[in-house]
N, C-alpha and C. Protein backbone atom coordinates (compact mmCIF):
# COMPACT_ATOMS: atom_id res chain seq x y z
N MET A 1 105.83 132.88 114.23
CA MET A 1 104.78 132.47 113.31
C MET A 1 105.00 131.02 112.92
N GLN A 2 103.92 130.26 112.86
CA GLN A 2 104.01 128.85 112.53
C GLN A 2 104.24 128.62 111.04
N GLU A 3 104.91 127.52 110.76
CA GLU A 3 105.16 127.12 109.37
C GLU A 3 103.83 126.80 108.68
N THR A 4 103.61 127.38 107.53
CA THR A 4 102.41 127.09 106.74
C THR A 4 102.68 125.87 105.89
N VAL A 5 101.82 124.86 106.03
CA VAL A 5 101.94 123.63 105.25
C VAL A 5 101.27 123.81 103.90
N LEU A 6 100.13 124.49 103.90
CA LEU A 6 99.33 124.64 102.69
C LEU A 6 98.51 125.92 102.80
N THR A 7 98.43 126.66 101.70
CA THR A 7 97.53 127.80 101.62
C THR A 7 96.42 127.41 100.67
N SER A 8 95.20 127.64 101.09
CA SER A 8 94.03 127.29 100.28
C SER A 8 93.08 128.49 100.28
N GLY A 9 93.10 129.24 99.19
CA GLY A 9 92.27 130.44 99.14
C GLY A 9 92.60 131.35 100.30
N PRO A 10 91.59 131.72 101.11
CA PRO A 10 91.81 132.68 102.18
C PRO A 10 92.40 132.09 103.47
N VAL A 11 92.61 130.79 103.51
CA VAL A 11 93.08 130.17 104.75
C VAL A 11 94.45 129.53 104.55
N ARG A 12 95.09 129.29 105.69
CA ARG A 12 96.35 128.54 105.66
C ARG A 12 96.27 127.43 106.70
N LEU A 13 96.94 126.34 106.40
CA LEU A 13 96.98 125.19 107.29
C LEU A 13 98.35 125.12 107.93
N VAL A 14 98.35 125.02 109.26
CA VAL A 14 99.59 124.97 110.03
C VAL A 14 99.51 123.81 111.02
N PRO A 15 100.66 123.26 111.41
CA PRO A 15 100.64 122.15 112.38
C PRO A 15 100.06 122.58 113.72
N PHE A 16 99.44 121.61 114.38
CA PHE A 16 98.94 121.84 115.73
C PHE A 16 100.10 121.97 116.71
N GLU A 17 99.82 122.66 117.80
CA GLU A 17 100.73 122.77 118.93
C GLU A 17 99.99 122.31 120.18
N ALA A 18 100.73 121.92 121.19
CA ALA A 18 100.11 121.39 122.41
C ALA A 18 99.12 122.36 123.04
N ASP A 19 99.33 123.66 122.90
CA ASP A 19 98.44 124.63 123.55
C ASP A 19 97.19 124.96 122.74
N ASP A 20 96.87 124.17 121.72
CA ASP A 20 95.67 124.39 120.91
C ASP A 20 94.43 123.69 121.46
N LEU A 21 94.54 123.14 122.64
CA LEU A 21 93.46 122.35 123.24
C LEU A 21 92.15 123.12 123.31
N GLY A 22 92.16 124.36 123.78
CA GLY A 22 90.94 125.14 123.93
C GLY A 22 90.22 125.37 122.62
N GLN A 23 90.97 125.58 121.55
CA GLN A 23 90.36 125.82 120.25
C GLN A 23 89.63 124.57 119.74
N VAL A 24 90.26 123.43 119.90
CA VAL A 24 89.63 122.17 119.45
C VAL A 24 88.40 121.88 120.30
N GLN A 25 88.50 122.05 121.60
CA GLN A 25 87.34 121.83 122.48
C GLN A 25 86.19 122.74 122.12
N GLN A 26 86.46 123.99 121.83
CA GLN A 26 85.40 124.93 121.48
C GLN A 26 84.72 124.51 120.18
N LEU A 27 85.50 124.11 119.19
CA LEU A 27 84.94 123.64 117.92
C LEU A 27 84.04 122.44 118.16
N TRP A 28 84.52 121.48 118.92
CA TRP A 28 83.77 120.25 119.17
C TRP A 28 82.59 120.46 120.11
N SER A 29 82.55 121.58 120.81
CA SER A 29 81.42 121.83 121.71
C SER A 29 80.16 122.20 120.94
N ASP A 30 80.29 122.54 119.66
CA ASP A 30 79.14 122.85 118.83
C ASP A 30 78.58 121.54 118.29
N PRO A 31 77.41 121.12 118.77
CA PRO A 31 76.86 119.83 118.34
C PRO A 31 76.58 119.76 116.84
N ARG A 32 76.41 120.91 116.19
CA ARG A 32 76.17 120.91 114.75
C ARG A 32 77.41 120.46 113.99
N ALA A 33 78.58 120.72 114.54
CA ALA A 33 79.83 120.28 113.90
C ALA A 33 80.20 118.88 114.36
N ALA A 34 80.09 118.63 115.66
CA ALA A 34 80.54 117.36 116.23
C ALA A 34 79.69 116.17 115.80
N ARG A 35 78.42 116.38 115.47
CA ARG A 35 77.54 115.25 115.15
C ARG A 35 78.00 114.46 113.94
N PHE A 36 78.75 115.07 113.05
CA PHE A 36 79.19 114.38 111.85
C PHE A 36 80.52 113.65 112.01
N ILE A 37 81.18 113.83 113.16
CA ILE A 37 82.47 113.17 113.33
C ILE A 37 82.48 112.17 114.47
N SER A 38 81.37 112.04 115.19
CA SER A 38 81.27 111.01 116.22
C SER A 38 79.82 110.77 116.59
N SER A 39 79.53 109.53 116.93
CA SER A 39 78.18 109.20 117.38
C SER A 39 78.06 109.30 118.89
N ASP A 40 79.16 109.57 119.57
CA ASP A 40 79.19 109.61 121.03
C ASP A 40 79.51 111.02 121.50
N ASN A 41 78.54 111.67 122.13
CA ASN A 41 78.75 113.03 122.62
C ASN A 41 79.86 113.13 123.65
N ASN A 42 80.17 112.04 124.32
CA ASN A 42 81.22 112.04 125.33
C ASN A 42 82.62 111.95 124.73
N THR A 43 82.70 111.73 123.43
CA THR A 43 83.98 111.60 122.77
C THR A 43 84.77 112.90 122.85
N TRP A 44 84.10 114.01 122.96
CA TRP A 44 84.77 115.29 122.82
C TRP A 44 85.13 115.94 124.16
N SER A 45 85.67 115.15 125.05
CA SER A 45 86.14 115.65 126.34
C SER A 45 87.49 116.34 126.17
N ALA A 46 87.96 116.96 127.24
CA ALA A 46 89.29 117.59 127.22
C ALA A 46 90.36 116.54 126.94
N ALA A 47 90.20 115.35 127.50
CA ALA A 47 91.16 114.28 127.27
C ALA A 47 91.17 113.84 125.81
N ALA A 48 89.97 113.77 125.20
CA ALA A 48 89.89 113.38 123.79
C ALA A 48 90.52 114.45 122.90
N ALA A 49 90.27 115.71 123.20
CA ALA A 49 90.86 116.80 122.42
C ALA A 49 92.37 116.80 122.57
N SER A 50 92.85 116.55 123.76
CA SER A 50 94.28 116.48 123.99
C SER A 50 94.89 115.32 123.22
N GLY A 51 94.21 114.17 123.23
CA GLY A 51 94.68 113.02 122.46
C GLY A 51 94.70 113.30 120.97
N PHE A 52 93.67 114.01 120.49
CA PHE A 52 93.59 114.39 119.08
C PHE A 52 94.80 115.23 118.69
N ILE A 53 95.11 116.23 119.51
CA ILE A 53 96.24 117.12 119.23
C ILE A 53 97.55 116.35 119.31
N ASP A 54 97.71 115.51 120.34
CA ASP A 54 98.93 114.71 120.47
C ASP A 54 99.12 113.82 119.24
N GLN A 55 98.03 113.22 118.77
CA GLN A 55 98.10 112.35 117.59
C GLN A 55 98.47 113.15 116.35
N ALA A 56 97.90 114.34 116.19
CA ALA A 56 98.22 115.19 115.04
C ALA A 56 99.70 115.58 115.04
N ILE A 57 100.21 115.93 116.20
CA ILE A 57 101.64 116.30 116.31
C ILE A 57 102.51 115.09 116.00
N ALA A 58 102.17 113.93 116.56
CA ALA A 58 102.96 112.71 116.31
C ALA A 58 102.91 112.30 114.84
N ASP A 59 101.73 112.38 114.22
CA ASP A 59 101.60 112.03 112.80
C ASP A 59 102.44 112.96 111.93
N GLN A 60 102.44 114.25 112.25
CA GLN A 60 103.23 115.21 111.48
C GLN A 60 104.71 114.85 111.56
N GLN A 61 105.18 114.52 112.74
CA GLN A 61 106.59 114.17 112.92
C GLN A 61 106.92 112.83 112.25
N ARG A 62 106.03 111.88 112.36
CA ARG A 62 106.27 110.53 111.85
C ARG A 62 106.11 110.43 110.34
N HIS A 63 105.04 111.05 109.80
CA HIS A 63 104.69 110.84 108.40
C HIS A 63 104.92 112.05 107.50
N GLY A 64 105.02 113.24 108.09
CA GLY A 64 105.14 114.45 107.28
C GLY A 64 103.79 115.00 106.85
N PHE A 65 102.72 114.36 107.29
CA PHE A 65 101.38 114.87 107.06
C PHE A 65 100.53 114.55 108.27
N SER A 66 99.42 115.25 108.39
CA SER A 66 98.60 115.13 109.59
C SER A 66 97.30 115.87 109.37
N ARG A 67 96.55 116.03 110.44
CA ARG A 67 95.45 116.98 110.47
C ARG A 67 96.07 118.29 110.96
N TRP A 68 95.74 119.38 110.28
CA TRP A 68 96.34 120.67 110.59
C TRP A 68 95.26 121.67 110.99
N LYS A 69 95.70 122.72 111.69
CA LYS A 69 94.80 123.82 112.02
C LYS A 69 94.50 124.60 110.76
N VAL A 70 93.25 125.02 110.62
CA VAL A 70 92.85 125.90 109.53
C VAL A 70 92.69 127.29 110.14
N LEU A 71 93.52 128.22 109.66
CA LEU A 71 93.52 129.58 110.18
C LEU A 71 93.05 130.55 109.11
N GLY A 72 92.19 131.48 109.51
CA GLY A 72 91.69 132.50 108.60
C GLY A 72 92.73 133.57 108.32
N PRO A 73 92.40 134.51 107.46
CA PRO A 73 93.35 135.58 107.10
C PRO A 73 93.85 136.38 108.30
N ASP A 74 93.02 136.48 109.33
CA ASP A 74 93.40 137.22 110.53
C ASP A 74 94.01 136.33 111.61
N GLY A 75 94.25 135.06 111.29
CA GLY A 75 94.83 134.11 112.24
C GLY A 75 93.81 133.40 113.11
N ARG A 76 92.53 133.69 112.89
CA ARG A 76 91.47 133.05 113.68
C ARG A 76 91.36 131.57 113.35
N PHE A 77 91.13 130.74 114.37
CA PHE A 77 90.98 129.29 114.21
C PHE A 77 89.62 128.98 113.60
N PHE A 78 89.62 128.36 112.42
CA PHE A 78 88.38 127.99 111.73
C PHE A 78 88.06 126.52 111.90
N GLY A 79 89.04 125.71 112.29
CA GLY A 79 88.83 124.27 112.42
C GLY A 79 90.09 123.52 112.07
N TRP A 80 89.91 122.30 111.60
CA TRP A 80 91.06 121.49 111.21
C TRP A 80 90.75 120.74 109.92
N ALA A 81 91.81 120.34 109.24
CA ALA A 81 91.68 119.58 107.99
C ALA A 81 92.99 118.85 107.75
N GLY A 82 92.89 117.74 107.06
CA GLY A 82 94.11 117.02 106.72
C GLY A 82 93.89 115.53 106.61
N PHE A 83 94.87 114.78 107.09
CA PHE A 83 94.91 113.34 106.84
C PHE A 83 95.20 112.57 108.11
N THR A 84 94.64 111.37 108.17
CA THR A 84 94.91 110.47 109.29
C THR A 84 94.77 109.04 108.79
N ALA A 85 95.36 108.12 109.53
CA ALA A 85 95.21 106.71 109.20
C ALA A 85 93.82 106.26 109.65
N LEU A 86 93.10 105.62 108.76
CA LEU A 86 91.77 105.10 109.07
C LEU A 86 91.95 103.69 109.64
N GLU A 87 91.71 103.56 110.93
CA GLU A 87 91.94 102.29 111.63
C GLU A 87 91.25 101.10 110.97
N GLU A 88 90.00 101.29 110.59
CA GLU A 88 89.19 100.18 110.08
C GLU A 88 89.73 99.58 108.78
N THR A 89 90.43 100.36 107.98
CA THR A 89 90.88 99.86 106.68
C THR A 89 92.38 100.02 106.45
N SER A 90 93.10 100.63 107.38
CA SER A 90 94.54 100.89 107.25
C SER A 90 94.88 101.73 106.02
N GLU A 91 93.99 102.62 105.65
CA GLU A 91 94.22 103.53 104.54
C GLU A 91 94.36 104.94 105.10
N ILE A 92 94.78 105.86 104.26
CA ILE A 92 94.87 107.26 104.68
C ILE A 92 93.57 107.96 104.28
N GLU A 93 93.03 108.67 105.26
CA GLU A 93 91.74 109.35 105.09
C GLU A 93 91.92 110.86 105.09
N LEU A 94 91.23 111.53 104.18
CA LEU A 94 91.13 112.98 104.20
C LEU A 94 89.86 113.33 104.98
N ASP A 95 89.98 114.24 105.93
CA ASP A 95 88.79 114.71 106.64
C ASP A 95 89.00 116.13 107.13
N TYR A 96 87.91 116.74 107.50
CA TYR A 96 87.98 118.10 108.02
C TYR A 96 86.80 118.36 108.94
N CYS A 97 86.96 119.35 109.79
CA CYS A 97 85.90 119.82 110.67
C CYS A 97 86.08 121.33 110.80
N LEU A 98 85.12 122.05 110.23
CA LEU A 98 85.19 123.51 110.25
C LEU A 98 84.02 124.08 111.05
N ALA A 99 84.27 125.19 111.73
CA ALA A 99 83.20 125.89 112.43
C ALA A 99 82.15 126.31 111.40
N LEU A 100 80.89 126.18 111.75
CA LEU A 100 79.82 126.49 110.80
C LEU A 100 79.83 127.95 110.35
N GLU A 101 80.33 128.84 111.19
CA GLU A 101 80.43 130.24 110.81
C GLU A 101 81.37 130.43 109.62
N THR A 102 82.33 129.53 109.48
CA THR A 102 83.28 129.59 108.38
C THR A 102 82.56 129.49 107.04
N PHE A 103 81.53 128.64 106.98
CA PHE A 103 80.78 128.45 105.74
C PHE A 103 80.03 129.72 105.34
N GLU A 104 79.62 130.51 106.33
CA GLU A 104 78.92 131.75 106.05
C GLU A 104 79.86 132.79 105.44
N VAL A 105 81.09 132.84 105.96
CA VAL A 105 82.07 133.81 105.49
C VAL A 105 82.70 133.37 104.17
N PHE A 106 83.01 132.07 104.07
CA PHE A 106 83.68 131.52 102.88
C PHE A 106 82.91 130.28 102.41
N PRO A 107 81.79 130.47 101.72
CA PRO A 107 80.95 129.32 101.35
C PRO A 107 81.63 128.30 100.43
N ASN A 108 82.62 128.71 99.65
CA ASN A 108 83.30 127.79 98.74
C ASN A 108 84.53 127.14 99.35
N LEU A 109 84.84 127.47 100.60
CA LEU A 109 86.05 126.97 101.23
C LEU A 109 86.11 125.44 101.30
N PRO A 110 85.07 124.74 101.72
CA PRO A 110 85.21 123.27 101.82
C PRO A 110 85.65 122.62 100.51
N GLY A 111 85.05 123.02 99.41
CA GLY A 111 85.42 122.44 98.13
C GLY A 111 86.84 122.78 97.72
N GLN A 112 87.21 124.04 97.88
CA GLN A 112 88.56 124.46 97.53
C GLN A 112 89.59 123.78 98.43
N LEU A 113 89.30 123.73 99.72
CA LEU A 113 90.21 123.11 100.68
C LEU A 113 90.39 121.63 100.37
N CYS A 114 89.31 120.94 100.09
CA CYS A 114 89.37 119.52 99.78
C CYS A 114 90.23 119.29 98.53
N GLN A 115 89.99 120.06 97.49
CA GLN A 115 90.76 119.90 96.25
C GLN A 115 92.24 120.19 96.48
N ASP A 116 92.54 121.24 97.23
CA ASP A 116 93.94 121.57 97.51
C ASP A 116 94.61 120.50 98.35
N LEU A 117 93.87 119.90 99.29
CA LEU A 117 94.43 118.81 100.10
C LEU A 117 94.71 117.57 99.24
N VAL A 118 93.80 117.24 98.34
CA VAL A 118 94.01 116.10 97.44
C VAL A 118 95.27 116.34 96.62
N ASP A 119 95.38 117.51 96.03
CA ASP A 119 96.56 117.84 95.22
C ASP A 119 97.83 117.75 96.05
N TRP A 120 97.81 118.34 97.24
CA TRP A 120 98.99 118.31 98.12
C TRP A 120 99.37 116.86 98.44
N PHE A 121 98.38 116.05 98.77
CA PHE A 121 98.65 114.67 99.17
C PHE A 121 99.36 113.89 98.08
N PHE A 122 98.86 113.96 96.86
CA PHE A 122 99.46 113.17 95.79
C PHE A 122 100.78 113.77 95.29
N GLU A 123 101.00 115.04 95.51
CA GLU A 123 102.29 115.65 95.16
C GLU A 123 103.36 115.35 96.20
N ASN A 124 102.95 115.08 97.44
CA ASN A 124 103.91 114.95 98.54
C ASN A 124 104.00 113.56 99.17
N THR A 125 103.24 112.60 98.68
CA THR A 125 103.31 111.24 99.23
C THR A 125 103.39 110.24 98.08
N TYR A 126 103.60 109.01 98.43
CA TYR A 126 103.70 107.93 97.45
C TYR A 126 102.45 107.06 97.39
N PHE A 127 101.41 107.41 98.11
CA PHE A 127 100.23 106.56 98.21
C PHE A 127 99.47 106.47 96.89
N SER A 128 98.85 105.31 96.67
CA SER A 128 98.13 105.07 95.42
C SER A 128 96.72 105.63 95.43
N HIS A 129 96.18 105.85 96.62
CA HIS A 129 94.82 106.36 96.71
C HIS A 129 94.59 107.02 98.07
N LEU A 130 93.47 107.67 98.19
CA LEU A 130 93.07 108.38 99.39
C LEU A 130 91.59 108.12 99.58
N VAL A 131 91.16 107.97 100.82
CA VAL A 131 89.74 107.76 101.09
C VAL A 131 89.18 108.90 101.93
N SER A 132 87.87 108.99 101.95
CA SER A 132 87.17 109.91 102.81
C SER A 132 85.93 109.20 103.33
N VAL A 133 85.74 109.24 104.61
CA VAL A 133 84.59 108.60 105.25
C VAL A 133 83.59 109.70 105.57
N VAL A 134 82.38 109.55 105.05
CA VAL A 134 81.35 110.58 105.21
C VAL A 134 80.12 109.94 105.83
N ARG A 135 79.65 110.51 106.91
CA ARG A 135 78.40 110.02 107.50
C ARG A 135 77.30 110.10 106.45
N THR A 136 76.47 109.07 106.36
CA THR A 136 75.50 108.97 105.26
C THR A 136 74.54 110.15 105.19
N ASP A 137 74.27 110.82 106.31
CA ASP A 137 73.33 111.94 106.27
C ASP A 137 74.02 113.30 106.09
N ASN A 138 75.30 113.30 105.79
CA ASN A 138 76.03 114.55 105.60
C ASN A 138 76.13 114.86 104.11
N ARG A 139 75.05 115.38 103.57
CA ARG A 139 74.98 115.64 102.13
C ARG A 139 75.99 116.67 101.65
N MET A 140 76.26 117.67 102.48
CA MET A 140 77.18 118.72 102.07
C MET A 140 78.59 118.16 101.81
N VAL A 141 79.10 117.36 102.73
CA VAL A 141 80.44 116.80 102.55
C VAL A 141 80.45 115.77 101.42
N ARG A 142 79.37 115.04 101.28
CA ARG A 142 79.26 114.09 100.17
C ARG A 142 79.46 114.81 98.83
N GLU A 143 78.80 115.95 98.67
CA GLU A 143 78.92 116.72 97.43
C GLU A 143 80.33 117.27 97.25
N VAL A 144 80.94 117.71 98.35
CA VAL A 144 82.31 118.23 98.28
C VAL A 144 83.24 117.13 97.78
N MET A 145 83.11 115.92 98.31
CA MET A 145 83.99 114.82 97.91
C MET A 145 83.77 114.44 96.45
N LEU A 146 82.53 114.37 96.04
CA LEU A 146 82.25 114.03 94.63
C LEU A 146 82.80 115.10 93.69
N ASP A 147 82.63 116.37 94.06
CA ASP A 147 83.16 117.46 93.24
C ASP A 147 84.68 117.44 93.15
N ALA A 148 85.34 116.91 94.18
CA ALA A 148 86.81 116.85 94.21
C ALA A 148 87.36 115.64 93.45
N GLY A 149 86.46 114.80 92.93
CA GLY A 149 86.92 113.66 92.14
C GLY A 149 86.85 112.32 92.85
N PHE A 150 86.40 112.31 94.10
CA PHE A 150 86.22 111.05 94.80
C PHE A 150 85.02 110.32 94.20
N TYR A 151 85.01 109.02 94.31
CA TYR A 151 83.85 108.23 93.89
C TYR A 151 83.45 107.30 95.03
N PHE A 152 82.18 106.95 95.06
CA PHE A 152 81.64 106.08 96.10
C PHE A 152 82.27 104.70 95.97
N ARG A 153 82.73 104.14 97.10
CA ARG A 153 83.31 102.80 97.11
C ARG A 153 82.45 101.80 97.86
N GLU A 154 81.98 102.18 99.06
CA GLU A 154 81.20 101.24 99.86
C GLU A 154 80.53 101.96 101.02
N SER A 155 79.53 101.29 101.59
CA SER A 155 78.89 101.76 102.82
C SER A 155 79.29 100.80 103.93
N ARG A 156 79.52 101.35 105.13
CA ARG A 156 79.88 100.51 106.27
C ARG A 156 79.72 101.29 107.57
N GLN A 157 79.70 100.58 108.68
CA GLN A 157 79.66 101.20 110.01
C GLN A 157 81.09 101.56 110.39
N ILE A 158 81.32 102.81 110.74
CA ILE A 158 82.64 103.25 111.21
C ILE A 158 82.42 104.15 112.41
N GLY A 159 83.05 103.82 113.50
CA GLY A 159 82.90 104.61 114.71
C GLY A 159 81.47 104.64 115.21
N GLY A 160 80.72 103.57 114.97
CA GLY A 160 79.34 103.50 115.42
C GLY A 160 78.36 104.29 114.57
N MET A 161 78.80 104.79 113.41
CA MET A 161 77.94 105.58 112.55
C MET A 161 77.83 104.93 111.18
N PRO A 162 76.65 105.05 110.54
CA PRO A 162 76.55 104.59 109.16
C PRO A 162 77.28 105.58 108.26
N CYS A 163 78.24 105.07 107.50
CA CYS A 163 79.08 105.94 106.69
C CYS A 163 79.22 105.41 105.27
N ASP A 164 79.54 106.32 104.37
CA ASP A 164 79.91 105.97 103.01
C ASP A 164 81.40 106.26 102.88
N VAL A 165 82.10 105.33 102.25
CA VAL A 165 83.53 105.50 102.01
C VAL A 165 83.70 105.91 100.55
N PHE A 166 84.38 107.03 100.36
CA PHE A 166 84.69 107.53 99.02
C PHE A 166 86.19 107.36 98.80
N GLN A 167 86.58 107.23 97.55
CA GLN A 167 87.98 107.00 97.22
C GLN A 167 88.37 107.81 96.00
N ILE A 168 89.63 108.22 95.96
CA ILE A 168 90.21 108.85 94.78
C ILE A 168 91.58 108.23 94.56
N LEU A 169 91.89 107.92 93.31
CA LEU A 169 93.18 107.34 92.95
C LEU A 169 94.18 108.46 92.67
N SER A 170 95.45 108.17 92.91
CA SER A 170 96.51 109.13 92.56
C SER A 170 96.51 109.31 91.05
N PRO A 171 97.05 110.42 90.57
CA PRO A 171 97.10 110.61 89.11
C PRO A 171 97.81 109.47 88.39
N SER A 172 98.89 108.94 88.97
CA SER A 172 99.60 107.83 88.31
C SER A 172 98.74 106.57 88.28
N MET A 173 98.00 106.31 89.34
CA MET A 173 97.10 105.15 89.35
C MET A 173 95.95 105.35 88.38
N GLN A 174 95.44 106.56 88.27
CA GLN A 174 94.38 106.83 87.30
C GLN A 174 94.88 106.55 85.89
N SER A 175 96.10 106.97 85.58
CA SER A 175 96.68 106.70 84.26
C SER A 175 96.84 105.21 84.03
N TYR A 176 97.31 104.52 85.06
CA TYR A 176 97.52 103.08 84.95
C TYR A 176 96.20 102.36 84.69
N VAL A 177 95.18 102.72 85.43
CA VAL A 177 93.87 102.09 85.28
C VAL A 177 93.30 102.35 83.88
N LEU A 178 93.48 103.57 83.39
CA LEU A 178 92.96 103.91 82.06
C LEU A 178 93.69 103.16 80.94
N THR A 179 94.96 102.84 81.13
CA THR A 179 95.72 102.15 80.08
C THR A 179 95.66 100.63 80.22
N ALA A 180 95.16 100.14 81.32
CA ALA A 180 95.12 98.68 81.55
C ALA A 180 94.03 98.02 80.75
């Protein structure tokens, strides 16, 4: 059994393994899910999925955090969630991609998962803030980020898509800002 990094309601997050390629490819083959994470349909090839998994494994080993598999109570793959370095700004980004069926079974999962990830991040790292990049037409994720305490920072093109960047400060930075 894989080490659980985080439990969030009915799901648990575990590190990726090299043999998870098929699960990631299947998730990304659903255009309803993939459209919000890339503007290029060719991005989600077997090579891209393999690179994604390799990067997640390397990030976990290097930083102690990464994008992790989201597994349901029965061990079923629901998607991924976690953290990665945002190339465009050199900040750490929270993001997730869940199978749409997951929302039907657990409609509150995205909000709970996001909040638990924010809490985990600031309890386990030294970073002053965390960002989330949301495609401008993805209202559902926008609401999840706002409900989790993120605030709008800026709009910009990222990965060829119009996106809004949201930010949340660590609890210590929030205290500092309030007392300054």
